[in-house]
Amino acid sequence: MRVIIAGGTGLFGRALQKNLAGDGYEIVVLSRNLDGKNEKSIAGVKIARWSTTELESWRGLIDGADIVINLAGENLAGERFLPGRWTNDKKQKLRSSRVDAGRAIARNIAAAEVKPRLLIQASAVGFYGPREDEEVTESFPAGDDFLAKLCVDWEEATEDIERFGVRRIILRSGIVLSGEGGPLPRLIKQYRLFAGGSFGGGDQYWPWIHIDDVVGAIRLLMEDQDTVGPVNVTSPTPVTNRQFSKELGRVLGRPSFWPIPTFALKLLVGEVSVVVLEGQRAVPEKLAALGYEFKYSELGPALSDILSR
């Protein structure tokens, strides 16, 4: 089975590559930059350059593929310890890295003689907007803040492929816990400096998920023949930011009593602070209906596993 992964050198993509390659899949990772890091691919994984404007150069890779997985999208908070601010230019880059990539993939699927049977499209639970303590399933409508509108545009970028009979699944992921990227390494640094604590009031929900369960959920959806539309890729036990902070402190053996006030976060990083100050009590209703068994359904064991690696 041939699987194309766009954005395959990011956090999700790297973990998925290793998992699929171990089971003998033929994997082609589409990367915009074939630098030294990306060229060191896993055995059995081909890295190919792609562009959102030069479609012909990689169109043949899509033709005849069984599954296309689109994970492309610039990191919301950047890679530095302190997130960069969302200037107008940054917001446009966040949008174009998602929308332009999705539209390019959709156009090449439309042009393919032998189309894939499935497109798995990345998105996020930010689609729902801030929801306080309301339990959020896949049936909930979109919010109206910047992140929600970004997710709506991201999802709609590949919508057109459905008219060609290609089944489409949308991964609305939560906060992914991994030692190799995402928010956790930054938080660990903060706690090891004895500066750990909740963000703002701490009552906002953090719909977390272990990276192994992200991969497990994707594998289940790849093998399923019927699922369409959005799927919440989150743990069945979302916690508040305060609960998350206490549990991380416990696992690390560090205090978690230094909350960062809302005004201080907004002063430091501006609008990007909504990533940690607002949240959703998202639950994986569709994954539960499919019978997915989470490796890590509770936060403590999930954090302990990552910290032990």
C-alpha atoms as a PDB file:
ATOM      1  CA  MET A   1       0.000   0.000   0.000  1.00  0.00           C
ATOM      2  CA  ARG A   2       1.391   3.396  -0.994  1.00  0.00           C
ATOM      3  CA  VAL A   3       0.837   6.258   1.428  1.00  0.00           C
ATOM      4  CA  ILE A   4       1.672   9.893   0.680  1.00  0.00           C
ATOM      5  CA  ILE A   5       2.315  12.112   3.715  1.00  0.00           C
ATOM      6  CA  ALA A   6       2.417  15.875   3.160  1.00  0.00           C
ATOM      7  CA  GLY A   7       3.994  17.674   6.070  1.00  0.00           C
ATOM      8  CA  GLY A   8       5.494  14.353   7.028  1.00  0.00           C
ATOM      9  CA  THR A   9       8.600  15.814   8.697  1.00  0.00           C
ATOM     10  CA  GLY A  10       6.598  17.430  11.514  1.00  0.00           C
ATOM     11  CA  LEU A  11       5.708  15.901  14.889  1.00  0.00           C
ATOM     12  CA  PHE A  12       2.804  13.741  13.654  1.00  0.00           C
ATOM     13  CA  GLY A  13       4.541  12.842  10.432  1.00  0.00           C
ATOM     14  CA  ARG A  14       7.791  11.610  11.975  1.00  0.00           C
ATOM     15  CA  ALA A  15       5.968   9.337  14.409  1.00  0.00           C
ATOM     16  CA  LEU A  16       3.680   8.032  11.668  1.00  0.00           C
ATOM     17  CA  GLN A  17       6.597   7.365   9.324  1.00  0.00           C
ATOM     18  CA  LYS A  18       8.301   5.117  11.858  1.00  0.00           C
ATOM     19  CA  ASN A  19       5.125   3.218  12.586  1.00  0.00           C
ATOM     20  CA  LEU A  20       4.113   2.628   8.964  1.00  0.00           C
ATOM     21  CA  ALA A  21       7.624   1.813   7.771  1.00  0.00           C
ATOM     22  CA  GLY A  22       7.855  -0.868  10.443  1.00  0.00           C
ATOM     23  CA  ASP A  23       4.810  -2.563   8.914  1.00  0.00           C
ATOM     24  CA  GLY A  24       6.106  -2.512   5.363  1.00  0.00           C
ATOM     25  CA  TYR A  25       4.074   0.336   3.850  1.00  0.00           C
ATOM     26  CA  GLU A  26       5.472   2.181   0.853  1.00  0.00           C
ATOM     27  CA  ILE A  27       5.730   5.741   2.141  1.00  0.00           C
ATOM     28  CA  VAL A  28       6.439   8.955   0.267  1.00  0.00           C
ATOM     29  CA  VAL A  29       6.916  12.049   2.411  1.00  0.00           C
ATOM     30  CA  LEU A  30       6.369  15.392   0.705  1.00  0.00           C
ATOM     31  CA  SER A  31       8.723  18.045   2.057  1.00  0.00           C
ATOM     32  CA  ARG A  32       9.208  21.636   0.913  1.00  0.00           C
ATOM     33  CA  ASN A  33      12.833  21.708   2.090  1.00  0.00           C
ATOM     34  CA  LEU A  34      15.146  18.805   1.376  1.00  0.00           C
ATOM     35  CA  ASP A  35      17.746  19.879   3.918  1.00  0.00           C
ATOM     36  CA  GLY A  36      20.166  17.568   5.701  1.00  0.00           C
ATOM     37  CA  LYS A  37      17.690  16.775   8.468  1.00  0.00           C
ATOM     38  CA  ASN A  38      14.889  15.781   6.140  1.00  0.00           C
ATOM     39  CA  GLU A  39      17.110  13.786   3.837  1.00  0.00           C
ATOM     40  CA  LYS A  40      17.933  11.373   6.684  1.00  0.00           C
ATOM     41  CA  SER A  41      14.805   9.381   6.093  1.00  0.00           C
ATOM     42  CA  ILE A  42      13.764   6.150   7.725  1.00  0.00           C
ATOM     43  CA  ALA A  43      14.542   2.971   5.788  1.00  0.00           C
ATOM     44  CA  GLY A  44      11.776   2.385   3.262  1.00  0.00           C
ATOM     45  CA  VAL A  45      10.630   6.019   3.282  1.00  0.00           C
ATOM     46  CA  LYS A  46      11.118   8.209   0.228  1.00  0.00           C
ATOM     47  CA  ILE A  47      11.415  11.977   0.695  1.00  0.00           C
ATOM     48  CA  ALA A  48      10.252  14.079  -2.262  1.00  0.00           C
ATOM     49  CA  ARG A  49      10.180  17.822  -2.776  1.00  0.00           C
ATOM     50  CA  TRP A  50       6.814  19.469  -3.330  1.00  0.00           C
ATOM     51  CA  SER A  51       5.502  22.940  -3.975  1.00  0.00           C
ATOM     52  CA  THR A  52       2.070  24.514  -3.753  1.00  0.00           C
ATOM     53  CA  THR A  53       2.632  26.276  -7.077  1.00  0.00           C
ATOM     54  CA  GLU A  54       4.598  23.746  -9.176  1.00  0.00           C
ATOM     55  CA  LEU A  55       1.988  21.006  -9.099  1.00  0.00           C
ATOM     56  CA  GLU A  56       3.237  19.051 -12.098  1.00  0.00           C
ATOM     57  CA  SER A  57       6.556  18.276 -10.400  1.00  0.00           C
ATOM     58  CA  TRP A  58       4.915  15.924  -7.869  1.00  0.00           C
ATOM     59  CA  ARG A  59       1.567  15.077  -9.495  1.00  0.00           C
ATOM     60  CA  GLY A  60       2.780  11.615 -10.441  1.00  0.00           C
ATOM     61  CA  LEU A  61       3.327  10.755  -6.796  1.00  0.00           C
ATOM     62  CA  ILE A  62      -0.375  11.246  -6.039  1.00  0.00           C
ATOM     63  CA  ASP A  63      -1.536   9.254  -9.066  1.00  0.00           C
ATOM     64  CA  GLY A  64      -2.102   5.673  -7.958  1.00  0.00           C
ATOM     65  CA  ALA A  65      -1.489   6.270  -4.245  1.00  0.00           C
ATOM     66  CA  ASP A  66      -3.846   4.430  -1.900  1.00  0.00           C
ATOM     67  CA  ILE A  67      -3.991   7.033   0.875  1.00  0.00           C
ATOM     68  CA  VAL A  68      -2.946  10.678   1.110  1.00  0.00           C
ATOM     69  CA  ILE A  69      -2.379  12.181   4.555  1.00  0.00           C
ATOM     70  CA  ASN A  70      -2.160  15.970   4.687  1.00  0.00           C
ATOM     71  CA  LEU A  71      -0.442  17.188   7.863  1.00  0.00           C
ATOM     72  CA  ALA A  72       0.982  20.390   6.366  1.00  0.00           C
ATOM     73  CA  GLY A  73       0.765  23.528   8.459  1.00  0.00           C
ATOM     74  CA  GLU A  74       3.185  25.940  10.134  1.00  0.00           C
ATOM     75  CA  ASN A  75       3.567  25.622  13.921  1.00  0.00           C
ATOM     76  CA  LEU A  76       1.130  27.958  15.689  1.00  0.00           C
ATOM     77  CA  ALA A  77       3.539  28.885  18.461  1.00  0.00           C
ATOM     78  CA  GLY A  78       6.870  28.571  16.641  1.00  0.00           C
ATOM     79  CA  GLU A  79       9.862  26.608  17.906  1.00  0.00           C
ATOM     80  CA  ARG A  80      11.363  29.024  20.450  1.00  0.00           C
ATOM     81  CA  PHE A  81      10.776  28.766  24.199  1.00  0.00           C
ATOM     82  CA  LEU A  82       8.632  31.902  24.091  1.00  0.00           C
ATOM     83  CA  PRO A  83       6.114  31.817  21.214  1.00  0.00           C
ATOM     84  CA  GLY A  84       6.383  34.506  18.566  1.00  0.00           C
ATOM     85  CA  ARG A  85       3.567  37.040  18.340  1.00  0.00           C
ATOM     86  CA  TRP A  86       0.806  36.711  15.764  1.00  0.00           C
ATOM     87  CA  THR A  87       1.481  39.697  13.576  1.00  0.00           C
ATOM     88  CA  ASN A  88      -0.669  40.129  10.469  1.00  0.00           C
ATOM     89  CA  ASP A  89       2.193  38.653   8.454  1.00  0.00           C
ATOM     90  CA  LYS A  90       2.451  35.657  10.796  1.00  0.00           C
ATOM     91  CA  LYS A  91      -1.298  35.034  10.618  1.00  0.00           C
ATOM     92  CA  GLN A  92      -1.124  35.040   6.837  1.00  0.00           C
ATOM     93  CA  LYS A  93       1.731  32.512   6.920  1.00  0.00           C
ATOM     94  CA  LEU A  94      -0.221  30.264   9.285  1.00  0.00           C
ATOM     95  CA  ARG A  95      -3.181  30.381   6.933  1.00  0.00           C
ATOM     96  CA  SER A  96      -1.306  29.966   3.644  1.00  0.00           C
ATOM     97  CA  SER A  97       0.786  27.053   4.982  1.00  0.00           C
ATOM     98  CA  ARG A  98      -2.480  25.215   5.561  1.00  0.00           C
ATOM     99  CA  VAL A  99      -4.854  26.442   2.886  1.00  0.00           C
ATOM    100  CA  ASP A 100      -2.421  26.637  -0.037  1.00  0.00           C
ATOM    101  CA  ALA A 101      -1.105  23.151   0.763  1.00  0.00           C
ATOM    102  CA  GLY A 102      -4.600  21.704   0.986  1.00  0.00           C
ATOM    103  CA  ARG A 103      -5.708  23.267  -2.273  1.00  0.00           C
ATOM    104  CA  ALA A 104      -2.584  22.023  -4.066  1.00  0.00           C
ATOM    105  CA  ILE A 105      -3.194  18.474  -2.845  1.00  0.00           C
ATOM    106  CA  ALA A 106      -6.854  18.680  -3.870  1.00  0.00           C
ATOM    107  CA  ARG A 107      -5.931  19.865  -7.371  1.00  0.00           C
ATOM    108  CA  ASN A 108      -3.460  17.029  -7.859  1.00  0.00           C
ATOM    109  CA  ILE A 109      -5.970  14.474  -6.612  1.00  0.00           C
ATOM    110  CA  ALA A 110      -8.496  15.892  -9.065  1.00  0.00           C
ATOM    111  CA  ALA A 111      -5.950  15.542 -11.879  1.00  0.00           C
ATOM    112  CA  ALA A 112      -4.902  11.991 -10.980  1.00  0.00           C
ATOM    113  CA  GLU A 113      -6.056   9.204 -13.295  1.00  0.00           C
ATOM    114  CA  VAL A 114      -6.104   6.723 -10.399  1.00  0.00           C
ATOM    115  CA  LYS A 115      -7.285   8.597  -7.357  1.00  0.00           C
ATOM    116  CA  PRO A 116      -6.594   7.621  -3.732  1.00  0.00           C
ATOM    117  CA  ARG A 117      -9.410   5.950  -1.839  1.00  0.00           C
ATOM    118  CA  LEU A 118      -8.866   8.116   1.224  1.00  0.00           C
ATOM    119  CA  LEU A 119      -7.591  11.555   2.195  1.00  0.00           C
ATOM    120  CA  ILE A 120      -6.836  12.165   5.864  1.00  0.00           C
ATOM    121  CA  GLN A 121      -6.793  15.905   6.503  1.00  0.00           C
ATOM    122  CA  ALA A 122      -5.263  17.504   9.597  1.00  0.00           C
ATOM    123  CA  SER A 123      -7.119  20.077  11.660  1.00  0.00           C
ATOM    124  CA  ALA A 124      -7.477  20.847  15.387  1.00  0.00           C
ATOM    125  CA  VAL A 125     -10.039  21.100  18.160  1.00  0.00           C
ATOM    126  CA  GLY A 126      -9.519  24.852  17.910  1.00  0.00           C
ATOM    127  CA  PHE A 127     -12.213  24.504  15.238  1.00  0.00           C
ATOM    128  CA  TYR A 128     -14.818  24.649  18.013  1.00  0.00           C
ATOM    129  CA  GLY A 129     -13.578  27.873  19.591  1.00  0.00           C
ATOM    130  CA  PRO A 130     -13.442  28.376  23.386  1.00  0.00           C
ATOM    131  CA  ARG A 131     -16.062  26.132  25.028  1.00  0.00           C
ATOM    132  CA  GLU A 132     -15.445  26.397  28.804  1.00  0.00           C
ATOM    133  CA  ASP A 133     -16.569  23.120  30.485  1.00  0.00           C
ATOM    134  CA  GLU A 134     -19.043  22.041  27.792  1.00  0.00           C
ATOM    135  CA  GLU A 135     -18.321  18.516  26.506  1.00  0.00           C
ATOM    136  CA  VAL A 136     -17.534  18.891  22.812  1.00  0.00           C
ATOM    137  CA  THR A 137     -18.111  16.147  20.232  1.00  0.00           C
ATOM    138  CA  GLU A 138     -17.621  16.129  16.474  1.00  0.00           C
ATOM    139  CA  SER A 139     -21.183  17.367  15.920  1.00  0.00           C
ATOM    140  CA  PHE A 140     -20.464  20.796  17.418  1.00  0.00           C
ATOM    141  CA  PRO A 141     -20.318  23.814  15.081  1.00  0.00           C
ATOM    142  CA  ALA A 142     -17.294  26.014  14.480  1.00  0.00           C
ATOM    143  CA  GLY A 143     -16.363  28.903  16.737  1.00  0.00           C
ATOM    144  CA  ASP A 144     -15.747  32.418  15.495  1.00  0.00           C
ATOM    145  CA  ASP A 145     -12.285  33.360  16.821  1.00  0.00           C
ATOM    146  CA  PHE A 146      -9.072  33.412  14.794  1.00  0.00           C
ATOM    147  CA  LEU A 147      -8.118  29.785  15.481  1.00  0.00           C
ATOM    148  CA  ALA A 148     -11.605  28.517  14.673  1.00  0.00           C
ATOM    149  CA  LYS A 149     -11.693  30.394  11.369  1.00  0.00           C
ATOM    150  CA  LEU A 150      -8.205  29.136  10.565  1.00  0.00           C
ATOM    151  CA  CYS A 151      -9.346  25.543  11.131  1.00  0.00           C
ATOM    152  CA  VAL A 152     -12.473  26.070   9.013  1.00  0.00           C
ATOM    153  CA  ASP A 153     -10.358  27.331   6.101  1.00  0.00           C
ATOM    154  CA  TRP A 154      -7.863  24.503   6.637  1.00  0.00           C
ATOM    155  CA  GLU A 155     -10.573  21.856   6.436  1.00  0.00           C
ATOM    156  CA  GLU A 156     -12.368  23.441   3.483  1.00  0.00           C
ATOM    157  CA  ALA A 157      -9.147  23.552   1.437  1.00  0.00           C
ATOM    158  CA  THR A 158      -9.498  19.854   0.525  1.00  0.00           C
ATOM    159  CA  GLU A 159     -13.288  19.624   0.525  1.00  0.00           C
ATOM    160  CA  ASP A 160     -13.527  19.551  -3.272  1.00  0.00           C
ATOM    161  CA  ILE A 161     -12.021  16.054  -3.535  1.00  0.00           C
ATOM    162  CA  GLU A 162     -15.202  14.512  -2.167  1.00  0.00           C
ATOM    163  CA  ARG A 163     -17.015  15.143  -5.433  1.00  0.00           C
ATOM    164  CA  PHE A 164     -14.592  12.694  -7.079  1.00  0.00           C
ATOM    165  CA  GLY A 165     -15.645   9.936  -4.712  1.00  0.00           C
ATOM    166  CA  VAL A 166     -12.565  10.208  -2.486  1.00  0.00           C
ATOM    167  CA  ARG A 167     -13.450   9.577   1.132  1.00  0.00           C
ATOM    168  CA  ARG A 168     -12.174  12.307   3.470  1.00  0.00           C
ATOM    169  CA  ILE A 169     -11.480  12.185   7.208  1.00  0.00           C
ATOM    170  CA  ILE A 170     -10.589  15.293   9.218  1.00  0.00           C
ATOM    171  CA  LEU A 171      -8.314  14.887  12.241  1.00  0.00           C
ATOM    172  CA  ARG A 172      -9.298  17.455  14.866  1.00  0.00           C
ATOM    173  CA  SER A 173      -6.386  16.900  17.209  1.00  0.00           C
ATOM    174  CA  GLY A 174      -5.905  18.174  20.717  1.00  0.00           C
ATOM    175  CA  ILE A 175      -2.691  19.005  22.587  1.00  0.00           C
ATOM    176  CA  VAL A 176      -0.255  16.320  21.495  1.00  0.00           C
ATOM    177  CA  LEU A 177       2.135  15.105  24.185  1.00  0.00           C
ATOM    178  CA  SER A 178       5.566  14.086  22.946  1.00  0.00           C
ATOM    179  CA  GLY A 179       9.147  14.529  24.047  1.00  0.00           C
ATOM    180  CA  GLU A 180      10.162  15.418  20.497  1.00  0.00           C
ATOM    181  CA  GLY A 181       8.033  18.501  19.957  1.00  0.00           C
ATOM    182  CA  GLY A 182       4.807  20.280  20.747  1.00  0.00           C
ATOM    183  CA  PRO A 183       4.255  22.119  24.049  1.00  0.00           C
ATOM    184  CA  LEU A 184       5.559  19.505  26.484  1.00  0.00           C
ATOM    185  CA  PRO A 185       9.345  20.088  26.117  1.00  0.00           C
ATOM    186  CA  ARG A 186       8.804  23.804  26.809  1.00  0.00           C
ATOM    187  CA  LEU A 187       6.684  23.051  29.856  1.00  0.00           C
ATOM    188  CA  ILE A 188       9.268  20.590  31.174  1.00  0.00           C
ATOM    189  CA  LYS A 189      11.971  23.283  30.967  1.00  0.00           C
ATOM    190  CA  GLN A 190       9.725  25.659  32.865  1.00  0.00           C
ATOM    191  CA  TYR A 191       9.085  23.132  35.650  1.00  0.00           C
ATOM    192  CA  ARG A 192      12.734  22.142  35.957  1.00  0.00           C
ATOM    193  CA  LEU A 193      13.460  25.802  36.637  1.00  0.00           C
ATOM    194  CA  PHE A 194      10.967  25.565  39.527  1.00  0.00           C
ATOM    195  CA  ALA A 195       8.651  27.980  37.686  1.00  0.00           C
ATOM    196  CA  GLY A 196       5.773  25.620  36.926  1.00  0.00           C
ATOM    197  CA  GLY A 197       2.126  26.448  37.352  1.00  0.00           C
ATOM    198  CA  SER A 198      -1.174  26.969  35.614  1.00  0.00           C
ATOM    199  CA  PHE A 199      -1.895  29.542  32.917  1.00  0.00           C
ATOM    200  CA  GLY A 200      -4.401  32.241  33.751  1.00  0.00           C
ATOM    201  CA  GLY A 201      -7.262  30.970  35.878  1.00  0.00           C
ATOM    202  CA  GLY A 202      -6.409  27.341  35.089  1.00  0.00           C
ATOM    203  CA  ASP A 203     -10.043  26.335  34.559  1.00  0.00           C
ATOM    204  CA  GLN A 204      -9.702  26.085  30.767  1.00  0.00           C
ATOM    205  CA  TYR A 205      -9.736  22.519  29.464  1.00  0.00           C
ATOM    206  CA  TRP A 206      -6.686  21.007  27.792  1.00  0.00           C
ATOM    207  CA  PRO A 207      -7.793  18.168  25.482  1.00  0.00           C
ATOM    208  CA  TRP A 208      -4.505  16.268  25.496  1.00  0.00           C
ATOM    209  CA  ILE A 209      -3.437  13.078  23.696  1.00  0.00           C
ATOM    210  CA  HIS A 210      -0.264  10.961  23.737  1.00  0.00           C
ATOM    211  CA  ILE A 211       1.608  10.860  20.417  1.00  0.00           C
ATOM    212  CA  ASP A 212       1.325   7.054  20.329  1.00  0.00           C
ATOM    213  CA  ASP A 213      -2.463   7.364  20.398  1.00  0.00           C
ATOM    214  CA  VAL A 214      -2.378   9.920  17.593  1.00  0.00           C
ATOM    215  CA  VAL A 215      -0.578   7.332  15.479  1.00  0.00           C
ATOM    216  CA  GLY A 216      -2.865   4.556  16.695  1.00  0.00           C
ATOM    217  CA  ALA A 217      -5.972   6.554  15.821  1.00  0.00           C
ATOM    218  CA  ILE A 218      -4.646   7.353  12.346  1.00  0.00           C
ATOM    219  CA  ARG A 219      -3.843   3.679  11.759  1.00  0.00           C
ATOM    220  CA  LEU A 220      -7.367   2.689  12.786  1.00  0.00           C
ATOM    221  CA  LEU A 221      -8.868   5.301  10.456  1.00  0.00           C
ATOM    222  CA  MET A 222      -6.634   4.135   7.601  1.00  0.00           C
ATOM    223  CA  GLU A 223      -7.970   0.614   7.985  1.00  0.00           C
ATOM    224  CA  ASP A 224     -11.625   1.542   8.543  1.00  0.00           C
ATOM    225  CA  GLN A 225     -13.776   1.584   5.420  1.00  0.00           C
ATOM    226  CA  ASP A 226     -16.680   3.819   6.423  1.00  0.00           C
ATOM    227  CA  THR A 227     -15.669   6.776   8.598  1.00  0.00           C
ATOM    228  CA  VAL A 228     -15.981  10.211   7.004  1.00  0.00           C
ATOM    229  CA  GLY A 229     -15.801  13.781   8.242  1.00  0.00           C
ATOM    230  CA  PRO A 230     -14.341  15.113  11.488  1.00  0.00           C
ATOM    231  CA  VAL A 231     -12.835  12.898  14.165  1.00  0.00           C
ATOM    232  CA  ASN A 232     -11.699  14.298  17.526  1.00  0.00           C
ATOM    233  CA  VAL A 233      -8.208  12.941  18.128  1.00  0.00           C
ATOM    234  CA  THR A 234      -8.052  13.513  21.872  1.00  0.00           C
ATOM    235  CA  SER A 235      -7.869  11.489  25.052  1.00  0.00           C
ATOM    236  CA  PRO A 236     -11.216  10.371  26.516  1.00  0.00           C
ATOM    237  CA  THR A 237     -10.248  12.162  29.756  1.00  0.00           C
ATOM    238  CA  PRO A 238      -9.554  15.854  29.057  1.00  0.00           C
ATOM    239  CA  VAL A 239      -8.344  17.808  32.093  1.00  0.00           C
ATOM    240  CA  THR A 240      -8.242  21.453  33.076  1.00  0.00           C
ATOM    241  CA  ASN A 241      -4.999  23.341  32.773  1.00  0.00           C
ATOM    242  CA  ARG A 242      -4.769  23.409  36.573  1.00  0.00           C
ATOM    243  CA  GLN A 243      -5.114  19.619  36.738  1.00  0.00           C
ATOM    244  CA  PHE A 244      -2.549  19.221  33.963  1.00  0.00           C
ATOM    245  CA  SER A 245      -0.092  21.497  35.783  1.00  0.00           C
ATOM    246  CA  LYS A 246      -0.407  19.616  39.073  1.00  0.00           C
ATOM    247  CA  GLU A 247       0.049  16.247  37.368  1.00  0.00           C
ATOM    248  CA  LEU A 248       3.095  17.384  35.411  1.00  0.00           C
ATOM    249  CA  GLY A 249       4.628  18.781  38.586  1.00  0.00           C
ATOM    250  CA  ARG A 250       3.952  15.514  40.404  1.00  0.00           C
ATOM    251  CA  VAL A 251       5.541  13.392  37.675  1.00  0.00           C
ATOM    252  CA  LEU A 252       8.587  15.687  37.485  1.00  0.00           C
ATOM    253  CA  GLY A 253       8.901  16.042  41.249  1.00  0.00           C
ATOM    254  CA  ARG A 254       8.620  19.807  40.946  1.00  0.00           C
ATOM    255  CA  PRO A 255       6.208  22.348  42.468  1.00  0.00           C
ATOM    256  CA  SER A 256       3.364  23.709  40.355  1.00  0.00           C
ATOM    257  CA  PHE A 257       2.257  26.687  42.399  1.00  0.00           C
ATOM    258  CA  TRP A 258       3.533  29.551  40.212  1.00  0.00           C
ATOM    259  CA  PRO A 259       0.533  30.481  38.036  1.00  0.00           C
ATOM    260  CA  ILE A 260       1.198  32.855  35.166  1.00  0.00           C
ATOM    261  CA  PRO A 261      -1.503  35.559  35.195  1.00  0.00           C
ATOM    262  CA  THR A 262      -3.522  36.214  32.064  1.00  0.00           C
ATOM    263  CA  PHE A 263      -2.314  39.801  31.767  1.00  0.00           C
ATOM    264  CA  ALA A 264       1.345  38.688  31.965  1.00  0.00           C
ATOM    265  CA  LEU A 265       0.908  36.114  29.206  1.00  0.00           C
ATOM    266  CA  LYS A 266      -0.812  38.615  26.952  1.00  0.00           C
ATOM    267  CA  LEU A 267       1.950  41.135  27.647  1.00  0.00           C
ATOM    268  CA  LEU A 268       4.655  38.579  26.824  1.00  0.00           C
ATOM    269  CA  VAL A 269       3.270  36.949  23.680  1.00  0.00           C
ATOM    270  CA  GLY A 270       0.112  38.851  22.716  1.00  0.00           C
ATOM    271  CA  GLU A 271      -2.767  37.099  20.975  1.00  0.00           C
ATOM    272  CA  VAL A 272      -0.938  33.766  20.721  1.00  0.00           C
ATOM    273  CA  SER A 273      -1.643  33.397  24.457  1.00  0.00           C
ATOM    274  CA  VAL A 274      -5.125  32.082  23.558  1.00  0.00           C
ATOM    275  CA  VAL A 275      -3.455  28.757  22.683  1.00  0.00           C
ATOM    276  CA  VAL A 276      -2.987  28.068  26.424  1.00  0.00           C
ATOM    277  CA  LEU A 277      -5.598  30.392  27.961  1.00  0.00           C
ATOM    278  CA  GLU A 278      -8.592  28.983  26.098  1.00  0.00           C
ATOM    279  CA  GLY A 279      -9.627  25.425  25.399  1.00  0.00           C
ATOM    280  CA  GLN A 280     -12.263  22.820  24.726  1.00  0.00           C
ATOM    281  CA  ARG A 281     -13.449  19.815  26.691  1.00  0.00           C
ATOM    282  CA  ALA A 282     -13.268  17.790  23.483  1.00  0.00           C
ATOM    283  CA  VAL A 283     -13.976  14.063  23.626  1.00  0.00           C
ATOM    284  CA  PRO A 284     -13.331  11.381  20.950  1.00  0.00           C
ATOM    285  CA  GLU A 285     -16.891  10.213  20.339  1.00  0.00           C
ATOM    286  CA  LYS A 286     -16.190   8.720  16.902  1.00  0.00           C
ATOM    287  CA  LEU A 287     -13.034   6.907  18.001  1.00  0.00           C
ATOM    288  CA  ALA A 288     -14.988   5.432  20.902  1.00  0.00           C
ATOM    289  CA  ALA A 289     -17.713   4.258  18.502  1.00  0.00           C
ATOM    290  CA  LEU A 290     -15.031   2.595  16.364  1.00  0.00           C
ATOM    291  CA  GLY A 291     -13.764   0.749  19.422  1.00  0.00           C
ATOM    292  CA  TYR A 292     -10.348   2.395  19.574  1.00  0.00           C
ATOM    293  CA  GLU A 293      -8.476   1.321  22.709  1.00  0.00           C
ATOM    294  CA  PHE A 294      -6.265   4.106  23.992  1.00  0.00           C
ATOM    295  CA  LYS A 295      -2.787   3.181  25.164  1.00  0.00           C
ATOM    296  CA  TYR A 296      -2.874   6.202  27.457  1.00  0.00           C
ATOM    297  CA  SER A 297      -6.315   7.307  28.567  1.00  0.00           C
ATOM    298  CA  GLU A 298      -5.067   8.880  31.816  1.00  0.00           C
ATOM    299  CA  LEU A 299      -2.668  11.815  31.974  1.00  0.00           C
ATOM    300  CA  GLY A 300      -0.278  10.546  34.666  1.00  0.00           C
ATOM    301  CA  PRO A 301       0.813   7.373  32.843  1.00  0.00           C
ATOM    302  CA  ALA A 302       1.052   9.303  29.571  1.00  0.00           C
ATOM    303  CA  LEU A 303       3.429  11.870  31.062  1.00  0.00           C
ATOM    304  CA  SER A 304       5.457   9.196  32.861  1.00  0.00           C
ATOM    305  CA  ASP A 305       5.923   7.257  29.634  1.00  0.00           C
ATOM    306  CA  ILE A 306       7.141  10.282  27.685  1.00  0.00           C
ATOM    307  CA  LEU A 307       9.521  11.389  30.448  1.00  0.00           C
ATOM    308  CA  SER A 308      10.991   7.880  30.688  1.00  0.00           C
ATOM    309  CA  ARG A 309      11.997   7.786  27.020  1.00  0.00           C
END
